[in-house]
Amino acid sequence: MNYDWPGNVRELENLIERVLVTTPGNVIRHINLHDLGYAGYEAVNYEHLLGFKLQDAVEQLEKFLIQNSLETLGTTRKAAQELGVSQPTIVRKAAKYNIPLNKR
């Protein structure tokens, strides 16, 4: 309840989807934002990448981060700034991963 939700509705939608996918069973009893990476990303669970080749795992994570930043922030420039890369890199990688770019 104390989380600021800087990404507003999109960030909340992403959280709900993530909790639904990662929660065992049919009932969600508790959501720990820190465990889901909302307190600095240090607690992100990468176990779903076990068994992947390194390159495939890197691409999966890269796609997730770019897509999440674009959905949350809305522009390629803001996503690039958040991820510490250039704006053309975001555009190029979005095309590589078939991530749609919203025209705002």
Protein backbone atom coordinates (compact mmCIF):
# COMPACT_ATOMS: atom_id res chain seq x y z
CA MET A 1 0.00 0.00 0.00
CA ASN A 2 2.96 2.32 0.53
CA TYR A 3 4.49 1.73 -2.91
CA ASP A 4 4.46 4.86 -5.11
CA TRP A 5 3.58 3.05 -8.40
CA PRO A 6 5.62 5.31 -10.67
CA GLY A 7 4.45 3.35 -13.72
CA ASN A 8 0.81 3.76 -12.68
CA VAL A 9 -1.73 1.36 -14.22
CA ARG A 10 0.70 -0.39 -16.58
CA GLU A 11 3.08 -1.21 -13.77
CA LEU A 12 0.23 -2.52 -11.63
CA GLU A 13 -1.05 -4.63 -14.54
CA ASN A 14 2.45 -6.09 -15.02
CA LEU A 15 2.66 -6.91 -11.30
CA ILE A 16 -0.72 -8.64 -11.29
CA GLU A 17 0.21 -10.68 -14.36
CA ARG A 18 3.55 -11.63 -12.82
CA VAL A 19 1.94 -12.67 -9.53
CA LEU A 20 -0.68 -14.77 -11.33
CA VAL A 21 1.99 -16.56 -13.34
CA THR A 22 4.42 -17.15 -10.48
CA THR A 23 2.06 -17.98 -7.60
CA PRO A 24 1.58 -21.69 -6.97
CA GLY A 25 -2.00 -22.78 -6.38
CA ASN A 26 -5.25 -20.93 -6.96
CA VAL A 27 -5.16 -18.39 -4.14
CA ILE A 28 -2.82 -15.41 -3.78
CA ARG A 29 -2.38 -14.90 -0.06
CA HIS A 30 0.48 -12.42 0.09
CA ILE A 31 2.40 -10.24 -2.36
CA ASN A 32 5.88 -9.19 -1.31
CA LEU A 33 6.93 -6.37 -3.64
CA HIS A 34 10.53 -6.66 -2.50
CA ASP A 35 10.61 -10.33 -3.57
CA LEU A 36 9.16 -9.33 -6.95
CA GLY A 37 11.91 -6.80 -7.56
CA TYR A 38 9.99 -3.62 -6.78
CA ALA A 39 12.53 -2.49 -4.17
CA GLY A 40 15.59 -2.27 -6.41
CA TYR A 41 15.49 -5.46 -8.53
CA GLU A 42 18.00 -7.27 -6.31
CA ALA A 43 15.47 -9.98 -5.46
CA VAL A 44 14.40 -10.95 -8.99
CA ASN A 45 14.03 -14.71 -9.44
CA TYR A 46 15.86 -16.00 -12.51
CA GLU A 47 15.10 -19.69 -11.96
CA HIS A 48 12.77 -19.75 -14.99
CA LEU A 49 15.91 -19.26 -17.11
CA LEU A 50 17.59 -22.44 -15.85
CA GLY A 51 18.18 -24.85 -18.71
CA PHE A 52 18.48 -22.09 -21.30
CA LYS A 53 21.65 -21.53 -23.27
CA LEU A 54 23.37 -18.37 -22.03
CA GLN A 55 22.58 -16.38 -25.18
CA ASP A 56 18.91 -17.39 -25.07
CA ALA A 57 18.66 -16.46 -21.37
CA VAL A 58 20.29 -13.09 -22.01
CA GLU A 59 17.86 -12.41 -24.86
CA GLN A 60 14.86 -13.39 -22.73
CA LEU A 61 15.94 -11.04 -19.95
CA GLU A 62 16.81 -8.25 -22.39
CA LYS A 63 13.41 -8.55 -24.08
CA PHE A 64 11.62 -8.50 -20.74
CA LEU A 65 13.49 -5.42 -19.51
CA ILE A 66 12.96 -3.48 -22.73
CA GLN A 67 9.29 -4.40 -23.00
CA ASN A 68 8.65 -3.57 -19.35
CA SER A 69 10.43 -0.20 -19.62
CA LEU A 70 8.52 0.72 -22.77
CA GLU A 71 5.18 -0.27 -21.24
CA THR A 72 5.91 1.53 -17.98
CA LEU A 73 7.58 4.67 -19.31
CA GLY A 74 5.91 4.97 -22.72
CA THR A 75 8.79 6.30 -24.84
CA THR A 76 11.97 4.87 -26.29
CA ARG A 77 13.96 7.81 -24.92
CA LYS A 78 12.78 7.27 -21.35
CA ALA A 79 13.29 3.51 -21.63
CA ALA A 80 16.82 4.06 -22.97
CA GLN A 81 17.63 6.41 -20.12
CA GLU A 82 16.29 3.96 -17.52
CA LEU A 83 18.21 1.04 -19.04
CA GLY A 84 21.42 3.00 -19.63
CA VAL A 85 21.57 2.55 -23.40
CA SER A 86 21.00 4.79 -26.40
CA GLN A 87 17.56 5.43 -27.86
CA PRO A 88 18.54 3.85 -31.22
CA THR A 89 19.56 0.70 -29.30
CA ILE A 90 16.07 0.47 -27.81
CA VAL A 91 14.49 0.91 -31.25
CA ARG A 92 16.79 -1.70 -32.82
CA LYS A 93 16.28 -4.25 -30.05
CA ALA A 94 12.51 -3.66 -29.97
CA ALA A 95 12.45 -4.52 -33.67
CA LYS A 96 14.61 -7.60 -33.03
CA TYR A 97 12.18 -8.88 -30.38
CA ASN A 98 9.00 -7.72 -32.19
CA ILE A 99 8.12 -5.33 -29.38
CA PRO A 100 5.65 -2.72 -30.65
CA LEU A 101 6.61 0.90 -30.16
CA ASN A 102 3.75 3.12 -29.08
CA LYS A 103 3.55 6.36 -31.01
CA ARG A 104 3.07 9.09 -28.39
